[in-house]
């Protein structure tokens, strides 16, 4: 089964992430949520590397797009994981 990392840059409960996580876990996937306070992004990348995700997801609203794009580039380059971004 896949390891899925859900990344966010705001410390709030995302209803979408809760729903996605529940469905994925129900089907046997391992899901974790990761938070980036944007002061220590290298720490986030270290945590992601330790998790060894197959897929890294980003829920992005307009203010978070620059953060998500930069982090997705690093995730692909450093971890080789598939990246997915979306939102409403």
N, C-alpha and C. Protein backbone atom coordinates (compact mmCIF):
# COMPACT_ATOMS: atom_id res chain seq x y z
N UNK A 1 0.83 -1.19 0.00
CA UNK A 1 0.00 0.00 0.00
C UNK A 1 0.87 1.25 0.00
N UNK A 2 0.30 2.36 -0.37
CA UNK A 2 1.04 3.61 -0.52
C UNK A 2 1.17 4.35 0.81
N UNK A 3 2.25 5.10 0.91
CA UNK A 3 2.44 6.04 2.01
C UNK A 3 2.14 7.42 1.45
N UNK A 4 1.19 8.11 2.08
CA UNK A 4 0.73 9.40 1.58
C UNK A 4 0.98 10.46 2.65
N UNK A 5 1.69 11.52 2.27
CA UNK A 5 1.96 12.65 3.16
C UNK A 5 1.07 13.81 2.74
N UNK A 6 0.35 14.36 3.69
CA UNK A 6 -0.50 15.53 3.45
C UNK A 6 0.20 16.72 4.10
N UNK A 7 0.63 17.69 3.31
CA UNK A 7 1.39 18.83 3.83
C UNK A 7 0.54 20.09 3.87
N UNK A 8 0.74 20.85 4.93
CA UNK A 8 0.03 22.11 5.06
C UNK A 8 0.93 23.14 5.73
N UNK A 9 0.65 24.41 5.43
CA UNK A 9 1.44 25.50 6.00
C UNK A 9 0.65 26.34 6.99
N UNK A 10 -0.57 25.97 7.28
CA UNK A 10 -1.37 26.63 8.30
C UNK A 10 -1.80 25.58 9.31
N UNK A 11 -1.72 25.92 10.58
CA UNK A 11 -2.04 24.96 11.63
C UNK A 11 -3.54 25.02 11.94
N UNK A 12 -4.30 24.41 11.03
CA UNK A 12 -5.75 24.30 11.17
C UNK A 12 -6.14 22.89 10.75
N UNK A 13 -7.32 22.47 11.14
CA UNK A 13 -7.81 21.16 10.73
C UNK A 13 -8.49 21.31 9.36
N UNK A 14 -7.92 20.67 8.37
CA UNK A 14 -8.50 20.70 7.03
C UNK A 14 -9.52 19.57 6.90
N UNK A 15 -10.78 19.92 6.71
CA UNK A 15 -11.83 18.90 6.56
C UNK A 15 -11.53 18.01 5.35
N UNK A 16 -11.01 18.59 4.30
CA UNK A 16 -10.66 17.80 3.12
C UNK A 16 -9.61 16.75 3.44
N UNK A 17 -8.57 17.15 4.18
CA UNK A 17 -7.53 16.19 4.56
C UNK A 17 -8.10 15.09 5.44
N UNK A 18 -9.02 15.44 6.34
CA UNK A 18 -9.61 14.42 7.21
C UNK A 18 -10.39 13.40 6.38
N UNK A 19 -11.12 13.88 5.40
CA UNK A 19 -11.90 12.99 4.54
C UNK A 19 -11.00 12.11 3.68
N UNK A 20 -10.01 12.74 3.04
CA UNK A 20 -9.07 11.98 2.20
C UNK A 20 -8.34 10.94 3.03
N UNK A 21 -7.88 11.34 4.22
CA UNK A 21 -7.16 10.41 5.09
C UNK A 21 -8.03 9.22 5.48
N UNK A 22 -9.28 9.49 5.84
CA UNK A 22 -10.18 8.40 6.24
C UNK A 22 -10.39 7.40 5.12
N UNK A 23 -10.61 7.88 3.92
CA UNK A 23 -10.84 6.99 2.78
C UNK A 23 -9.58 6.18 2.47
N UNK A 24 -8.44 6.86 2.45
CA UNK A 24 -7.19 6.16 2.15
C UNK A 24 -6.87 5.10 3.20
N UNK A 25 -7.04 5.45 4.48
CA UNK A 25 -6.77 4.49 5.56
C UNK A 25 -7.72 3.31 5.48
N UNK A 26 -8.97 3.56 5.14
CA UNK A 26 -9.96 2.49 5.01
C UNK A 26 -9.53 1.47 3.97
N UNK A 27 -8.78 1.95 2.96
CA UNK A 27 -8.32 1.07 1.89
C UNK A 27 -6.88 0.60 2.09
N UNK A 28 -6.36 0.75 3.31
CA UNK A 28 -5.08 0.16 3.67
C UNK A 28 -3.84 1.02 3.47
N UNK A 29 -4.01 2.26 3.08
CA UNK A 29 -2.85 3.13 2.88
C UNK A 29 -2.43 3.77 4.20
N UNK A 30 -1.16 4.15 4.28
CA UNK A 30 -0.63 4.82 5.48
C UNK A 30 -0.60 6.31 5.18
N UNK A 31 -1.24 7.11 6.04
CA UNK A 31 -1.38 8.55 5.81
C UNK A 31 -0.91 9.32 7.04
N UNK A 32 -0.13 10.36 6.80
CA UNK A 32 0.32 11.26 7.87
C UNK A 32 0.18 12.70 7.40
N UNK A 33 -0.11 13.59 8.33
CA UNK A 33 -0.18 15.02 8.04
C UNK A 33 1.10 15.67 8.55
N UNK A 34 1.67 16.55 7.72
CA UNK A 34 2.90 17.25 8.07
C UNK A 34 2.65 18.75 8.01
N UNK A 35 3.18 19.46 9.00
CA UNK A 35 3.00 20.91 9.09
C UNK A 35 4.33 21.61 8.90
N UNK A 36 4.35 22.63 8.06
CA UNK A 36 5.55 23.45 7.84
C UNK A 36 5.29 24.85 8.36
N UNK A 37 6.02 25.26 9.40
CA UNK A 37 5.85 26.61 9.93
C UNK A 37 6.61 27.64 9.10
N UNK A 38 7.26 27.20 8.04
CA UNK A 38 8.01 28.02 7.09
C UNK A 38 9.21 28.72 7.70
N UNK A 39 9.61 28.30 8.87
CA UNK A 39 10.83 28.81 9.46
C UNK A 39 11.94 27.76 9.40
N UNK A 40 11.51 26.48 9.31
CA UNK A 40 12.47 25.39 9.29
C UNK A 40 12.03 24.34 8.27
N UNK A 41 11.99 24.73 7.01
CA UNK A 41 11.51 23.82 5.97
C UNK A 41 12.41 22.59 5.86
N UNK A 42 13.69 22.74 6.16
CA UNK A 42 14.58 21.58 6.12
C UNK A 42 14.13 20.52 7.13
N UNK A 43 13.60 20.95 8.27
CA UNK A 43 13.07 20.00 9.26
C UNK A 43 11.90 19.22 8.66
N UNK A 44 11.02 19.92 7.96
CA UNK A 44 9.90 19.24 7.30
C UNK A 44 10.40 18.23 6.28
N UNK A 45 11.38 18.61 5.49
CA UNK A 45 11.92 17.68 4.49
C UNK A 45 12.56 16.47 5.16
N UNK A 46 13.22 16.67 6.30
CA UNK A 46 13.79 15.54 7.05
C UNK A 46 12.69 14.61 7.54
N UNK A 47 11.59 15.20 8.04
CA UNK A 47 10.47 14.39 8.51
C UNK A 47 9.83 13.62 7.35
N UNK A 48 9.68 14.28 6.21
CA UNK A 48 9.14 13.59 5.03
C UNK A 48 10.06 12.47 4.58
N UNK A 49 11.37 12.73 4.57
CA UNK A 49 12.33 11.70 4.16
C UNK A 49 12.24 10.48 5.08
N UNK A 50 12.10 10.71 6.37
CA UNK A 50 11.98 9.60 7.32
C UNK A 50 10.71 8.80 7.09
N UNK A 51 9.64 9.47 6.69
CA UNK A 51 8.35 8.82 6.42
C UNK A 51 8.40 8.01 5.11
N UNK A 52 9.25 8.44 4.17
CA UNK A 52 9.41 7.79 2.86
C UNK A 52 8.09 7.72 2.08
N UNK A 53 7.49 8.87 1.80
CA UNK A 53 6.18 8.85 1.12
C UNK A 53 6.29 8.48 -0.35
N UNK A 54 5.24 7.84 -0.83
CA UNK A 54 5.10 7.60 -2.26
C UNK A 54 4.46 8.81 -2.93
N UNK A 55 3.58 9.48 -2.18
CA UNK A 55 2.83 10.63 -2.67
C UNK A 55 2.86 11.72 -1.61
N UNK A 56 3.11 12.96 -2.05
CA UNK A 56 3.05 14.11 -1.15
C UNK A 56 2.01 15.07 -1.71
N UNK A 57 1.01 15.40 -0.88
CA UNK A 57 -0.12 16.23 -1.32
C UNK A 57 -0.09 17.59 -0.63
N UNK A 58 -0.58 18.57 -1.36
CA UNK A 58 -0.65 19.94 -0.86
C UNK A 58 -2.05 20.48 -1.10
N UNK A 59 -2.66 21.03 -0.06
CA UNK A 59 -3.93 21.73 -0.20
C UNK A 59 -3.59 23.21 -0.21
N UNK A 60 -3.77 23.85 -1.37
CA UNK A 60 -3.28 25.22 -1.53
C UNK A 60 -4.39 26.21 -1.86
N UNK A 61 -4.43 27.28 -1.11
CA UNK A 61 -5.19 28.46 -1.46
C UNK A 61 -4.18 29.48 -1.98
N UNK A 62 -4.63 30.53 -2.61
CA UNK A 62 -3.76 31.49 -3.28
C UNK A 62 -2.55 31.92 -2.44
N UNK A 63 -2.72 32.29 -1.16
CA UNK A 63 -1.54 32.73 -0.39
C UNK A 63 -0.48 31.64 -0.20
N UNK A 64 -0.87 30.38 -0.29
CA UNK A 64 0.05 29.27 -0.06
C UNK A 64 0.70 28.73 -1.32
N UNK A 65 0.31 29.22 -2.48
CA UNK A 65 0.84 28.68 -3.73
C UNK A 65 2.36 28.79 -3.84
N UNK A 66 2.97 29.95 -3.55
CA UNK A 66 4.44 30.01 -3.65
C UNK A 66 5.13 28.99 -2.74
N UNK A 67 4.63 28.85 -1.51
CA UNK A 67 5.18 27.86 -0.58
C UNK A 67 5.04 26.45 -1.16
N UNK A 68 3.85 26.11 -1.63
CA UNK A 68 3.60 24.77 -2.15
C UNK A 68 4.44 24.44 -3.37
N UNK A 69 4.57 25.39 -4.27
CA UNK A 69 5.38 25.16 -5.48
C UNK A 69 6.84 24.93 -5.13
N UNK A 70 7.38 25.76 -4.24
CA UNK A 70 8.78 25.61 -3.84
C UNK A 70 9.02 24.29 -3.13
N UNK A 71 8.12 23.94 -2.23
CA UNK A 71 8.28 22.69 -1.49
C UNK A 71 8.10 21.48 -2.41
N UNK A 72 7.14 21.53 -3.31
CA UNK A 72 6.93 20.42 -4.24
C UNK A 72 8.17 20.18 -5.10
N UNK A 73 8.82 21.26 -5.55
CA UNK A 73 10.06 21.11 -6.33
C UNK A 73 11.11 20.38 -5.52
N UNK A 74 11.27 20.76 -4.26
CA UNK A 74 12.27 20.12 -3.41
C UNK A 74 11.91 18.67 -3.12
N UNK A 75 10.63 18.40 -2.89
CA UNK A 75 10.19 17.03 -2.62
C UNK A 75 10.51 16.14 -3.82
N UNK A 76 10.18 16.60 -5.02
CA UNK A 76 10.47 15.80 -6.23
C UNK A 76 11.97 15.60 -6.40
N UNK A 77 12.75 16.66 -6.21
CA UNK A 77 14.20 16.58 -6.42
C UNK A 77 14.89 15.73 -5.35
N UNK A 78 14.50 15.90 -4.11
CA UNK A 78 15.21 15.26 -3.00
C UNK A 78 14.64 13.90 -2.61
N UNK A 79 13.32 13.72 -2.78
CA UNK A 79 12.69 12.49 -2.34
C UNK A 79 12.18 11.63 -3.49
N UNK A 80 12.00 12.24 -4.64
CA UNK A 80 11.50 11.50 -5.79
C UNK A 80 10.05 11.10 -5.68
N UNK A 81 9.30 11.71 -4.76
CA UNK A 81 7.89 11.34 -4.56
C UNK A 81 7.01 12.08 -5.56
N UNK A 82 5.91 11.46 -5.89
CA UNK A 82 4.87 12.10 -6.71
C UNK A 82 4.26 13.22 -5.87
N UNK A 83 4.03 14.38 -6.49
CA UNK A 83 3.40 15.49 -5.78
C UNK A 83 2.06 15.82 -6.42
N UNK A 84 1.10 16.14 -5.56
CA UNK A 84 -0.25 16.50 -6.02
C UNK A 84 -0.67 17.75 -5.26
N UNK A 85 -1.20 18.73 -5.98
CA UNK A 85 -1.71 19.94 -5.35
C UNK A 85 -3.14 20.17 -5.81
N UNK A 86 -3.93 20.70 -4.89
CA UNK A 86 -5.31 20.99 -5.24
C UNK A 86 -5.99 21.74 -4.13
N UNK A 87 -7.24 22.02 -4.34
CA UNK A 87 -8.13 22.64 -3.38
C UNK A 87 -9.43 22.94 -4.12
N UNK A 88 -10.27 23.74 -3.51
CA UNK A 88 -11.53 24.08 -4.15
C UNK A 88 -11.22 24.78 -5.43
